[in-house]
């Protein structure tokens, strides 16, 4: 992972982001040509690539479990929302993106 990030504002405030999410929700955001998933699990938010690294299945169609993992709907691979690691090391890790929440809004740091 490189050290050069592009910080992109995705919501004007934390409360604006919370309004569009239920618990264990996954939403897709389009940032230019890039699609990024944003998920809420256990009152925390996570940003990650929209397609499974195995066979490019949309992870927005997946589910979130009690272990803070997103589960791919095609082969049920489980990816840690914080680290992107696949639970059983069956494929490449999921790319995750750091988030920053401050007085100016909610930002996703892309690289």
N, C-alpha and C. Protein backbone atom coordinates (compact mmCIF):
# COMPACT_ATOMS: atom_id res chain seq x y z
N UNK A 1 0.84 -1.16 0.00
CA UNK A 1 0.00 0.00 0.00
C UNK A 1 0.89 1.23 0.00
N UNK A 2 0.65 2.16 -0.93
CA UNK A 2 1.45 3.36 -1.02
C UNK A 2 1.06 4.37 0.04
N UNK A 3 1.88 5.38 0.19
CA UNK A 3 1.61 6.39 1.20
C UNK A 3 0.88 7.58 0.61
N UNK A 4 0.61 7.60 -0.69
CA UNK A 4 -0.09 8.70 -1.32
C UNK A 4 -1.58 8.40 -1.36
N UNK A 5 -2.33 9.24 -0.65
CA UNK A 5 -3.78 9.09 -0.61
C UNK A 5 -4.45 10.27 -1.28
N UNK A 6 -5.61 10.02 -1.81
CA UNK A 6 -6.48 11.08 -2.30
C UNK A 6 -7.70 11.04 -1.38
N UNK A 7 -7.88 12.07 -0.59
CA UNK A 7 -8.98 12.12 0.37
C UNK A 7 -10.21 12.68 -0.34
N UNK A 8 -11.30 11.89 -0.35
CA UNK A 8 -12.51 12.26 -1.07
C UNK A 8 -13.67 12.39 -0.09
N UNK A 9 -14.33 13.54 -0.13
CA UNK A 9 -15.48 13.78 0.74
C UNK A 9 -16.69 13.03 0.20
N UNK A 10 -17.32 12.21 1.06
CA UNK A 10 -18.46 11.42 0.62
C UNK A 10 -19.77 11.80 1.33
N UNK A 11 -19.68 12.45 2.48
CA UNK A 11 -20.85 12.97 3.19
C UNK A 11 -20.45 14.29 3.84
N UNK A 12 -21.42 15.18 4.00
CA UNK A 12 -21.16 16.47 4.64
C UNK A 12 -20.97 16.36 6.14
N UNK A 13 -21.51 15.30 6.74
CA UNK A 13 -21.38 15.12 8.19
C UNK A 13 -21.60 13.65 8.55
N UNK A 14 -21.19 13.31 9.77
CA UNK A 14 -21.39 11.96 10.28
C UNK A 14 -22.89 11.66 10.37
N UNK A 15 -23.68 12.62 10.84
CA UNK A 15 -25.12 12.39 10.98
C UNK A 15 -25.78 12.17 9.62
N UNK A 16 -25.31 12.86 8.58
CA UNK A 16 -25.85 12.64 7.23
C UNK A 16 -25.56 11.22 6.76
N UNK A 17 -24.37 10.70 7.08
CA UNK A 17 -24.01 9.33 6.70
C UNK A 17 -24.88 8.33 7.47
N UNK A 18 -25.05 8.56 8.77
CA UNK A 18 -25.84 7.64 9.59
C UNK A 18 -27.28 7.51 9.11
N UNK A 19 -27.83 8.57 8.55
CA UNK A 19 -29.23 8.56 8.10
C UNK A 19 -29.49 7.56 6.98
N UNK A 20 -28.48 7.21 6.20
CA UNK A 20 -28.68 6.30 5.07
C UNK A 20 -28.31 4.86 5.39
N UNK A 21 -27.93 4.59 6.64
CA UNK A 21 -27.48 3.25 7.02
C UNK A 21 -28.31 2.67 8.14
N UNK A 22 -28.68 1.39 7.97
CA UNK A 22 -29.18 0.59 9.07
C UNK A 22 -28.02 -0.25 9.57
N UNK A 23 -28.21 -0.97 10.65
CA UNK A 23 -27.17 -1.87 11.14
C UNK A 23 -26.96 -2.99 10.12
N UNK A 24 -25.73 -3.37 9.91
CA UNK A 24 -25.34 -4.40 8.95
C UNK A 24 -25.77 -4.05 7.52
N UNK A 25 -25.58 -2.79 7.16
CA UNK A 25 -25.94 -2.32 5.83
C UNK A 25 -24.69 -2.13 4.98
N UNK A 26 -24.82 -2.37 3.67
CA UNK A 26 -23.75 -2.13 2.71
C UNK A 26 -24.32 -1.25 1.61
N UNK A 27 -23.62 -0.17 1.30
CA UNK A 27 -24.03 0.73 0.23
C UNK A 27 -22.85 0.90 -0.73
N UNK A 28 -23.17 1.17 -2.00
CA UNK A 28 -22.13 1.42 -3.00
C UNK A 28 -22.08 2.92 -3.28
N UNK A 29 -20.89 3.46 -3.24
CA UNK A 29 -20.67 4.86 -3.60
C UNK A 29 -19.87 4.90 -4.88
N UNK A 30 -20.24 5.80 -5.78
CA UNK A 30 -19.45 6.00 -7.00
C UNK A 30 -18.62 7.25 -6.80
N UNK A 31 -17.31 7.09 -6.91
CA UNK A 31 -16.37 8.19 -6.77
C UNK A 31 -15.63 8.29 -8.10
N UNK A 32 -16.10 9.16 -8.97
CA UNK A 32 -15.57 9.21 -10.33
C UNK A 32 -15.92 7.90 -11.02
N UNK A 33 -14.94 7.22 -11.53
CA UNK A 33 -15.14 5.92 -12.19
C UNK A 33 -15.06 4.75 -11.21
N UNK A 34 -14.66 5.02 -9.98
CA UNK A 34 -14.45 3.98 -8.97
C UNK A 34 -15.72 3.74 -8.16
N UNK A 35 -16.02 2.47 -7.91
CA UNK A 35 -17.09 2.10 -7.00
C UNK A 35 -16.47 1.58 -5.71
N UNK A 36 -16.96 2.09 -4.59
CA UNK A 36 -16.48 1.72 -3.27
C UNK A 36 -17.67 1.33 -2.42
N UNK A 37 -17.54 0.25 -1.65
CA UNK A 37 -18.59 -0.11 -0.70
C UNK A 37 -18.33 0.59 0.62
N UNK A 38 -19.41 1.01 1.24
CA UNK A 38 -19.36 1.57 2.58
C UNK A 38 -20.31 0.73 3.41
N UNK A 39 -19.82 0.22 4.55
CA UNK A 39 -20.62 -0.68 5.37
C UNK A 39 -20.65 -0.21 6.81
N UNK A 40 -21.78 -0.49 7.47
CA UNK A 40 -21.90 -0.21 8.89
C UNK A 40 -22.06 -1.54 9.61
N UNK A 41 -21.18 -1.77 10.58
CA UNK A 41 -21.23 -2.98 11.38
C UNK A 41 -20.80 -2.63 12.80
N UNK A 42 -21.62 -3.00 13.76
CA UNK A 42 -21.33 -2.73 15.17
C UNK A 42 -21.03 -1.25 15.42
N UNK A 43 -21.86 -0.39 14.85
CA UNK A 43 -21.76 1.07 15.01
C UNK A 43 -20.47 1.67 14.48
N UNK A 44 -19.76 0.95 13.62
CA UNK A 44 -18.57 1.49 12.96
C UNK A 44 -18.77 1.43 11.46
N UNK A 45 -18.09 2.32 10.75
CA UNK A 45 -18.18 2.37 9.30
C UNK A 45 -16.86 1.92 8.68
N UNK A 46 -16.97 1.22 7.54
CA UNK A 46 -15.81 0.68 6.84
C UNK A 46 -15.96 0.92 5.34
N UNK A 47 -14.86 1.21 4.67
CA UNK A 47 -14.86 1.40 3.22
C UNK A 47 -13.95 0.34 2.60
N UNK A 48 -14.41 -0.25 1.49
CA UNK A 48 -13.63 -1.30 0.83
C UNK A 48 -14.03 -1.39 -0.63
N UNK A 49 -13.18 -2.07 -1.42
CA UNK A 49 -13.45 -2.20 -2.84
C UNK A 49 -14.79 -2.89 -3.07
N UNK A 50 -15.45 -2.53 -4.15
CA UNK A 50 -16.82 -2.98 -4.40
C UNK A 50 -16.92 -4.41 -4.91
N UNK A 51 -15.85 -4.93 -5.49
CA UNK A 51 -15.89 -6.27 -6.08
C UNK A 51 -14.98 -7.23 -5.32
N UNK A 52 -15.45 -8.46 -5.15
CA UNK A 52 -14.66 -9.50 -4.50
C UNK A 52 -13.37 -9.73 -5.31
N UNK A 53 -12.22 -9.82 -4.65
CA UNK A 53 -10.97 -10.05 -5.38
C UNK A 53 -10.89 -11.43 -6.03
N UNK A 54 -11.77 -12.35 -5.67
CA UNK A 54 -11.73 -13.69 -6.24
C UNK A 54 -12.29 -13.72 -7.66
N UNK A 55 -13.60 -13.46 -7.80
CA UNK A 55 -14.21 -13.49 -9.14
C UNK A 55 -15.08 -12.27 -9.43
N UNK A 56 -14.74 -11.15 -8.77
CA UNK A 56 -15.35 -9.85 -9.06
C UNK A 56 -16.86 -9.79 -8.84
N UNK A 57 -17.37 -10.57 -7.92
CA UNK A 57 -18.78 -10.51 -7.54
C UNK A 57 -19.02 -9.23 -6.72
N UNK A 58 -20.14 -8.50 -6.96
CA UNK A 58 -20.41 -7.29 -6.19
C UNK A 58 -20.63 -7.60 -4.71
N UNK A 59 -19.79 -7.03 -3.87
CA UNK A 59 -19.91 -7.28 -2.43
C UNK A 59 -21.10 -6.56 -1.81
N UNK A 60 -21.69 -5.62 -2.53
CA UNK A 60 -22.91 -4.97 -2.04
C UNK A 60 -24.06 -5.96 -1.98
N UNK A 61 -23.94 -7.08 -2.68
CA UNK A 61 -24.96 -8.14 -2.64
C UNK A 61 -24.66 -9.16 -1.55
N UNK A 62 -23.54 -8.96 -0.85
CA UNK A 62 -23.14 -9.87 0.22
C UNK A 62 -23.81 -9.49 1.54
N UNK A 63 -23.32 -10.12 2.59
CA UNK A 63 -23.86 -9.86 3.92
C UNK A 63 -22.72 -9.56 4.89
N UNK A 64 -23.08 -9.00 6.03
CA UNK A 64 -22.12 -8.74 7.10
C UNK A 64 -22.45 -9.70 8.24
N UNK A 65 -21.39 -10.25 8.87
CA UNK A 65 -21.64 -11.17 9.98
C UNK A 65 -21.24 -10.53 11.31
N UNK A 66 -21.40 -11.28 12.39
CA UNK A 66 -21.13 -10.79 13.74
C UNK A 66 -19.64 -10.63 14.03
N UNK A 67 -18.78 -11.09 13.12
CA UNK A 67 -17.33 -11.01 13.31
C UNK A 67 -16.70 -9.86 12.53
N UNK A 68 -17.51 -8.88 12.13
CA UNK A 68 -17.05 -7.74 11.34
C UNK A 68 -16.41 -8.19 10.03
N UNK A 69 -17.10 -9.07 9.34
CA UNK A 69 -16.65 -9.56 8.04
C UNK A 69 -17.76 -9.33 7.01
N UNK A 70 -17.35 -9.05 5.78
CA UNK A 70 -18.27 -9.04 4.66
C UNK A 70 -18.14 -10.40 3.98
N UNK A 71 -19.28 -11.00 3.63
CA UNK A 71 -19.29 -12.33 3.04
C UNK A 71 -19.72 -12.22 1.58
N UNK A 72 -18.86 -12.69 0.70
CA UNK A 72 -19.17 -12.67 -0.74
C UNK A 72 -20.35 -13.60 -1.02
N UNK A 73 -21.33 -13.14 -1.82
CA UNK A 73 -22.49 -13.98 -2.09
C UNK A 73 -22.22 -15.15 -3.05
N UNK A 74 -21.10 -15.14 -3.76
CA UNK A 74 -20.84 -16.19 -4.73
C UNK A 74 -20.24 -17.44 -4.11
N UNK A 75 -19.11 -17.31 -3.42
CA UNK A 75 -18.44 -18.46 -2.83
C UNK A 75 -18.33 -18.38 -1.31
N UNK A 76 -18.94 -17.35 -0.73
CA UNK A 76 -19.00 -17.16 0.73
C UNK A 76 -17.64 -16.93 1.37
N UNK A 77 -16.71 -16.36 0.61
CA UNK A 77 -15.44 -15.95 1.20
C UNK A 77 -15.73 -14.83 2.19
N UNK A 78 -14.99 -14.83 3.32
CA UNK A 78 -15.22 -13.86 4.39
C UNK A 78 -14.01 -12.93 4.51
N UNK A 79 -14.26 -11.63 4.42
CA UNK A 79 -13.20 -10.63 4.46
C UNK A 79 -13.36 -9.74 5.69
N UNK A 80 -12.28 -9.57 6.44
CA UNK A 80 -12.28 -8.71 7.61
C UNK A 80 -12.46 -7.27 7.16
N UNK A 81 -13.43 -6.57 7.77
CA UNK A 81 -13.73 -5.20 7.36
C UNK A 81 -12.60 -4.22 7.69
N UNK A 82 -11.82 -4.50 8.70
CA UNK A 82 -10.72 -3.59 9.08
C UNK A 82 -9.46 -3.84 8.26
N UNK A 83 -9.11 -5.09 8.09
CA UNK A 83 -7.83 -5.42 7.45
C UNK A 83 -7.97 -5.88 6.00
N UNK A 84 -9.16 -6.37 5.62
CA UNK A 84 -9.36 -6.91 4.28
C UNK A 84 -8.94 -8.37 4.15
N UNK A 85 -8.37 -8.96 5.19
CA UNK A 85 -7.88 -10.33 5.12
C UNK A 85 -9.03 -11.32 4.92
N UNK A 86 -8.82 -12.27 4.01
CA UNK A 86 -9.81 -13.33 3.79
C UNK A 86 -9.60 -14.38 4.88
N UNK A 87 -10.67 -14.77 5.54
CA UNK A 87 -10.61 -15.60 6.75
C UNK A 87 -9.85 -16.91 6.57
N UNK A 88 -10.00 -17.55 5.42
CA UNK A 88 -9.37 -18.86 5.21
C UNK A 88 -8.22 -18.82 4.21
N UNK A 89 -7.80 -17.62 3.83
CA UNK A 89 -6.69 -17.44 2.89
C UNK A 89 -6.92 -18.17 1.57
N UNK A 90 -8.17 -18.11 1.10
CA UNK A 90 -8.53 -18.77 -0.16
C UNK A 90 -8.29 -17.90 -1.38
N UNK A 91 -8.14 -16.59 -1.17
CA UNK A 91 -7.88 -15.69 -2.29
C UNK A 91 -7.16 -14.45 -1.77
N UNK A 92 -6.91 -13.51 -2.66
CA UNK A 92 -6.25 -12.26 -2.28
C UNK A 92 -7.11 -11.51 -1.28
N UNK A 93 -6.47 -10.70 -0.46
CA UNK A 93 -7.19 -9.87 0.50
C UNK A 93 -7.99 -8.79 -0.22
N UNK A 94 -9.02 -8.34 0.43
CA UNK A 94 -9.86 -7.26 -0.04
C UNK A 94 -9.16 -5.93 0.23
N UNK A 95 -9.21 -5.02 -0.72
CA UNK A 95 -8.61 -3.71 -0.52
C UNK A 95 -9.56 -2.87 0.35
N UNK A 96 -9.05 -2.35 1.45
CA UNK A 96 -9.83 -1.49 2.34
C UNK A 96 -9.28 -0.06 2.25
N UNK A 97 -10.13 0.90 2.59
CA UNK A 97 -9.77 2.31 2.51
C UNK A 97 -9.99 2.97 3.86
N UNK A 98 -8.99 3.70 4.36
CA UNK A 98 -9.17 4.42 5.62
C UNK A 98 -10.24 5.50 5.48
N UNK A 99 -10.93 5.74 6.57
CA UNK A 99 -11.94 6.80 6.59
C UNK A 99 -11.53 7.84 7.63
N UNK A 100 -11.94 9.07 7.37
CA UNK A 100 -11.71 10.15 8.32
C UNK A 100 -13.01 10.91 8.50
N UNK A 101 -13.39 11.12 9.74
CA UNK A 101 -14.61 11.86 10.06
C UNK A 101 -14.19 13.06 10.91
N UNK A 102 -14.52 14.26 10.42
CA UNK A 102 -14.18 15.47 11.16
C UNK A 102 -15.27 16.52 10.96
N UNK A 103 -15.01 17.74 11.38
CA UNK A 103 -16.01 18.81 11.29
C UNK A 103 -16.37 19.17 9.86
N UNK A 104 -15.49 18.88 8.91
CA UNK A 104 -15.76 19.19 7.50
C UNK A 104 -16.57 18.11 6.79
N UNK A 105 -16.68 16.92 7.39
CA UNK A 105 -17.46 15.86 6.77
C UNK A 105 -16.83 14.49 6.93
N UNK A 106 -17.26 13.58 6.06
CA UNK A 106 -16.77 12.20 6.05
C UNK A 106 -15.96 12.01 4.78
N UNK A 107 -14.73 11.51 4.95
CA UNK A 107 -13.80 11.36 3.84
C UNK A 107 -13.32 9.90 3.75
N UNK A 108 -13.15 9.43 2.52
CA UNK A 108 -12.52 8.14 2.27
C UNK A 108 -11.18 8.43 1.62
N UNK A 109 -10.13 7.78 2.13
CA UNK A 109 -8.79 7.98 1.60
C UNK A 109 -8.50 6.88 0.57
N UNK A 110 -8.47 7.28 -0.67
CA UNK A 110 -8.22 6.35 -1.78
C UNK A 110 -6.75 6.35 -2.13
N UNK A 111 -6.26 5.21 -2.62
CA UNK A 111 -4.87 5.11 -3.07
C UNK A 111 -4.80 4.31 -4.33
